[in-house]
N, C-alpha and C. Protein backbone atom coordinates (compact mmCIF):
# COMPACT_ATOMS: atom_id res chain seq x y z
N MET A 1 0.24 -1.29 0.06
CA MET A 1 -0.20 -0.18 -0.14
C MET A 1 0.97 1.29 0.09
N ALA A 2 2.35 0.87 0.40
CA ALA A 2 2.90 2.50 0.53
C ALA A 2 3.75 2.46 -0.59
N GLU A 3 2.92 1.95 -1.92
CA GLU A 3 4.05 1.89 -2.85
C GLU A 3 2.51 2.91 -3.83
N LEU A 4 1.49 3.06 -3.66
CA LEU A 4 0.54 4.17 -4.10
C LEU A 4 0.53 4.77 -3.48
N GLY A 5 0.71 5.42 -2.32
CA GLY A 5 1.44 6.65 -1.41
C GLY A 5 2.75 7.11 -2.40
N PHE A 6 3.84 6.28 -2.63
CA PHE A 6 4.72 7.15 -3.84
C PHE A 6 4.38 7.80 -4.86
N VAL A 7 3.44 6.39 -5.52
CA VAL A 7 3.15 6.73 -7.28
C VAL A 7 2.53 8.31 -6.84
N ALA A 8 1.24 7.88 -6.49
CA ALA A 8 0.69 9.36 -6.34
C ALA A 8 1.49 11.03 -5.60
N ALA A 9 2.69 10.61 -4.90
CA ALA A 9 3.48 11.89 -4.65
C ALA A 9 3.76 11.84 -5.72
N LEU A 10 4.67 11.15 -6.44
CA LEU A 10 5.68 11.41 -7.94
C LEU A 10 4.60 11.89 -8.65
N ALA A 11 2.79 11.72 -9.35
CA ALA A 11 2.33 12.04 -9.84
C ALA A 11 1.51 13.78 -9.47
N SER A 12 1.63 13.79 -8.38
CA SER A 12 1.77 15.44 -7.67
C SER A 12 2.63 16.62 -8.33
N ALA A 13 4.41 16.05 -8.30
CA ALA A 13 5.32 16.55 -8.17
C ALA A 13 5.38 18.13 -9.32
N GLY A 14 5.31 19.27 -8.38
CA GLY A 14 5.88 20.07 -9.32
C GLY A 14 6.26 20.57 -9.91
N SER A 15 7.88 20.26 -9.90
CA SER A 15 9.13 20.31 -10.73
C SER A 15 10.20 19.60 -11.14
N PRO A 16 10.32 19.14 -11.75
CA PRO A 16 11.76 17.49 -12.60
C PRO A 16 12.14 17.84 -10.75
N ASP A 17 12.28 18.82 -9.89
CA ASP A 17 13.89 18.46 -9.22
C ASP A 17 13.14 18.11 -7.85
N GLN A 18 11.74 18.65 -7.71
CA GLN A 18 10.61 17.85 -6.69
C GLN A 18 10.72 16.37 -6.78
N LEU A 19 10.27 16.17 -8.33
CA LEU A 19 10.38 14.61 -8.18
C LEU A 19 11.55 13.98 -7.72
N LEU A 20 12.62 14.53 -8.27
CA LEU A 20 13.95 13.26 -7.92
C LEU A 20 14.35 14.06 -6.91
N GLY A 21 14.24 14.53 -5.74
CA GLY A 21 13.82 14.47 -4.57
C GLY A 21 13.24 13.52 -4.01
N LEU A 22 11.66 13.39 -4.64
CA LEU A 22 10.80 12.08 -4.08
C LEU A 22 11.71 10.55 -4.42
N GLU A 23 12.03 10.40 -5.66
CA GLU A 23 12.97 9.57 -6.20
C GLU A 23 14.25 9.20 -4.78
N GLY A 24 15.11 10.31 -4.59
CA GLY A 24 16.30 9.73 -3.81
C GLY A 24 15.53 9.90 -2.25
N SER A 25 14.34 10.31 -1.67
CA SER A 25 14.26 10.31 -0.35
C SER A 25 13.69 8.75 -0.29
N ALA A 26 13.21 8.09 -0.93
CA ALA A 26 12.38 6.76 -1.35
C ALA A 26 13.61 6.26 -1.62
N GLY A 27 14.97 5.94 -1.64
CA GLY A 27 16.38 5.32 -2.10
C GLY A 27 16.01 4.74 -3.45
N GLN A 28 15.21 5.80 -4.31
CA GLN A 28 14.89 4.93 -5.80
C GLN A 28 15.82 5.43 -6.70
N SER A 29 16.62 6.71 -6.65
CA SER A 29 17.99 7.30 -7.63
C SER A 29 19.03 6.35 -7.85
N GLY A 30 20.15 7.45 -8.51
CA GLY A 30 21.14 6.25 -8.59
C GLY A 30 21.82 6.67 -9.48
N ARG A 31 22.16 5.29 -10.18
CA ARG A 31 23.53 5.74 -11.02
C ARG A 31 22.90 6.31 -12.18
N PHE A 32 21.31 6.43 -12.68
CA PHE A 32 20.98 7.44 -13.22
C PHE A 32 20.05 8.53 -13.10
N ALA A 33 20.60 8.78 -12.22
CA ALA A 33 19.98 10.69 -12.22
C ALA A 33 20.17 11.74 -12.99
N ASP A 34 21.58 11.36 -13.70
CA ASP A 34 21.61 12.38 -14.70
C ASP A 34 20.57 12.00 -15.64
N LEU A 35 20.53 11.33 -16.17
CA LEU A 35 19.75 11.08 -16.87
C LEU A 35 18.05 11.29 -16.30
N ASP A 36 17.95 10.96 -15.58
CA ASP A 36 16.33 11.02 -14.60
C ASP A 36 16.09 12.85 -14.95
N ARG A 37 17.24 13.70 -14.71
CA ARG A 37 16.81 14.92 -14.48
C ARG A 37 17.46 15.10 -15.89
N LEU A 38 17.97 14.88 -16.53
CA LEU A 38 17.66 15.03 -18.52
C LEU A 38 16.58 14.69 -19.28
N ALA A 39 15.48 13.71 -18.84
CA ALA A 39 14.43 13.00 -19.27
C ALA A 39 13.10 14.13 -18.63
N ALA A 40 13.60 14.62 -17.43
CA ALA A 40 12.52 15.44 -16.26
C ALA A 40 12.49 17.10 -17.21
N ASN A 41 13.49 17.07 -17.25
CA ASN A 41 14.00 18.08 -17.93
C ASN A 41 13.01 19.08 -19.38
N LEU A 42 12.94 17.30 -20.34
CA LEU A 42 12.68 17.14 -21.33
C LEU A 42 10.82 17.24 -21.44
N VAL A 43 10.74 16.17 -20.43
CA VAL A 43 9.31 17.02 -19.61
C VAL A 43 8.99 17.53 -19.74
N ALA A 44 9.17 18.66 -18.47
CA ALA A 44 8.62 19.58 -18.03
C ALA A 44 8.68 20.29 -19.40
N ALA A 45 9.79 20.73 -20.10
CA ALA A 45 9.51 21.39 -21.35
C ALA A 45 8.42 21.02 -22.28
N ALA A 46 8.52 20.44 -22.45
CA ALA A 46 6.86 19.84 -23.40
C ALA A 46 5.89 20.03 -22.99
N LEU A 47 5.70 20.11 -21.39
CA LEU A 47 4.20 20.14 -20.60
C LEU A 47 4.56 21.47 -20.54
N SER A 48 4.83 22.41 -20.39
CA SER A 48 4.70 23.45 -20.66
C SER A 48 5.36 24.65 -22.46
N GLY A 49 5.11 23.90 -23.21
CA GLY A 49 4.45 23.96 -24.41
C GLY A 49 5.92 24.07 -25.37
N SER A 50 6.62 24.24 -25.12
CA SER A 50 7.85 24.43 -25.62
C SER A 50 8.64 23.40 -26.97
N LYS A 51 8.97 23.10 -28.07
CA LYS A 51 9.36 22.59 -28.41
C LYS A 51 10.55 21.72 -28.06
N VAL A 52 10.69 20.27 -28.41
CA VAL A 52 11.58 19.40 -27.71
C VAL A 52 12.83 19.21 -28.48
N ALA A 53 12.44 18.58 -29.60
CA ALA A 53 12.52 17.63 -30.30
C ALA A 53 12.01 17.81 -32.02
N GLU A 54 13.31 17.77 -32.82
CA GLU A 54 12.62 18.25 -34.23
C GLU A 54 12.67 16.87 -35.12
N ILE A 55 12.46 16.82 -35.96
CA ILE A 55 12.51 16.21 -36.61
C ILE A 55 13.65 16.32 -38.22
N THR A 56 14.23 15.44 -38.97
CA THR A 56 14.73 16.28 -40.58
C THR A 56 14.71 14.60 -40.83
N ARG A 57 14.04 14.70 -42.34
CA ARG A 57 13.65 13.55 -42.94
C ARG A 57 15.34 13.78 -44.23
N ALA A 58 15.55 12.18 -44.04
CA ALA A 58 16.73 11.77 -44.58
C ALA A 58 16.70 12.82 -46.18
N ARG A 59 17.72 12.67 -46.72
CA ARG A 59 17.31 13.12 -48.34
C ARG A 59 17.16 11.73 -48.87
N HIS A 60 17.25 11.59 -49.95
CA HIS A 60 17.23 10.12 -51.10
C HIS A 60 18.42 9.78 -51.13
N GLY A 61 18.18 8.87 -50.89
CA GLY A 61 20.03 8.43 -51.60
C GLY A 61 20.75 8.04 -50.21
N GLU A 62 20.75 8.96 -49.06
CA GLU A 62 21.64 8.87 -47.83
C GLU A 62 20.98 7.31 -47.64
N LYS A 63 22.68 7.66 -46.86
CA LYS A 63 23.42 6.43 -46.11
C LYS A 63 22.51 6.58 -44.92
N ASP A 64 22.92 7.31 -43.76
CA ASP A 64 22.16 7.55 -42.71
C ASP A 64 20.51 7.96 -42.77
N GLY A 65 18.98 7.14 -42.10
CA GLY A 65 18.40 7.89 -41.65
C GLY A 65 17.66 9.02 -41.03
N ASP A 66 16.37 9.19 -41.36
CA ASP A 66 15.86 10.03 -40.60
C ASP A 66 16.69 10.53 -39.30
N ARG A 67 16.56 12.26 -39.00
CA ARG A 67 17.48 12.44 -37.28
C ARG A 67 16.63 13.58 -36.47
N LEU A 68 16.74 13.45 -35.34
CA LEU A 68 16.11 13.48 -34.40
C LEU A 68 16.93 14.33 -33.54
N THR A 69 16.85 15.24 -33.09
CA THR A 69 17.93 16.37 -32.17
C THR A 69 16.20 17.11 -31.28
N LEU A 70 17.44 16.72 -30.29
CA LEU A 70 16.34 17.29 -28.93
C LEU A 70 17.09 18.20 -29.09
N THR A 71 15.70 19.52 -29.52
CA THR A 71 16.04 20.80 -28.92
C THR A 71 16.11 21.59 -27.64
N THR A 72 16.32 21.29 -26.61
CA THR A 72 16.34 22.03 -25.43
C THR A 72 17.46 21.47 -24.79
N VAL A 73 18.32 20.52 -25.12
CA VAL A 73 19.00 19.75 -24.46
C VAL A 73 19.98 20.61 -24.25
N SER A 74 21.46 20.81 -23.57
CA SER A 74 22.29 21.67 -23.21
C SER A 74 24.00 21.40 -24.03
N ALA A 75 24.86 21.86 -24.03
CA ALA A 75 25.67 21.25 -24.39
C ALA A 75 26.46 20.02 -23.40
N PRO A 76 26.28 20.42 -22.14
CA PRO A 76 26.46 18.96 -20.75
C PRO A 76 25.52 18.14 -20.88
N GLU A 77 24.24 17.34 -21.46
CA GLU A 77 23.84 17.09 -21.13
C GLU A 77 23.81 16.69 -22.56
N ARG A 78 23.79 17.28 -23.61
CA ARG A 78 24.87 16.44 -25.18
C ARG A 78 25.98 15.87 -24.85
N ALA A 79 26.85 15.83 -24.17
CA ALA A 79 27.87 14.87 -23.28
C ALA A 79 27.35 14.19 -22.57
N LEU A 80 26.45 14.43 -21.55
CA LEU A 80 26.36 12.55 -20.87
C LEU A 80 25.67 11.54 -21.87
N LEU A 81 24.70 12.51 -22.91
CA LEU A 81 24.06 11.65 -23.35
C LEU A 81 25.53 11.04 -24.15
N ALA A 82 26.49 11.76 -25.53
CA ALA A 82 27.00 10.81 -26.08
C ALA A 82 28.05 9.82 -25.15
N GLY A 83 28.52 10.21 -23.66
CA GLY A 83 28.69 9.24 -23.41
C GLY A 83 28.14 7.41 -22.85
N SER A 84 27.02 8.29 -22.23
CA SER A 84 25.39 6.93 -22.23
C SER A 84 25.41 5.86 -23.22
N TYR A 85 25.69 6.87 -24.56
CA TYR A 85 25.54 6.10 -25.23
C TYR A 85 26.14 6.39 -26.75
N PRO A 86 27.66 5.00 -26.32
CA PRO A 86 28.69 5.98 -26.92
C PRO A 86 28.96 5.13 -28.55
N ASN A 87 28.28 4.85 -29.02
CA ASN A 87 27.69 4.11 -30.55
C ASN A 87 27.24 4.86 -31.50
N GLY A 88 26.41 5.71 -31.06
CA GLY A 88 26.14 7.57 -31.41
C GLY A 88 24.70 6.93 -32.42
N PRO A 89 24.46 7.53 -33.62
CA PRO A 89 23.28 6.73 -34.63
C PRO A 89 22.86 5.14 -34.60
N ARG A 90 22.08 5.31 -34.50
CA ARG A 90 21.46 3.75 -35.17
C ARG A 90 20.66 3.70 -36.68
N SER A 91 20.87 2.98 -36.50
CA SER A 91 20.52 2.65 -38.29
C SER A 91 19.43 1.48 -38.22
N ARG A 92 18.42 1.07 -38.56
CA ARG A 92 17.34 -0.12 -38.89
C ARG A 92 18.42 -1.05 -39.19
N PRO A 93 17.77 -2.10 -38.92
CA PRO A 93 18.04 -2.80 -39.70
C PRO A 93 17.06 -3.29 -40.78
N PRO A 94 17.66 -3.76 -41.94
CA PRO A 94 17.32 -4.13 -42.99
C PRO A 94 16.00 -4.72 -43.05
N PRO A 95 14.57 -4.68 -43.82
CA PRO A 95 13.61 -5.63 -44.36
C PRO A 95 13.79 -6.97 -44.33
């Protein structure tokens, strides 16, 4: 039953910092804390009406496909993503 109280508290969190604070208090934070903060900031920006992503269609014949750019991500956050996902852009497997 305590789990439902935690879920309700998360749902009513007023800001990303408050949400992450609740996770920390419940012992649910850890090695993904920086990625959690980045995701929380993206969601908060989207909910406030900011454009958070831009999709660029690939040109015909380009080897790489469409590109998704996160527009609200800062330079340090981009470095975090690059360090967390070092293989870079992924291509779709052939059909």
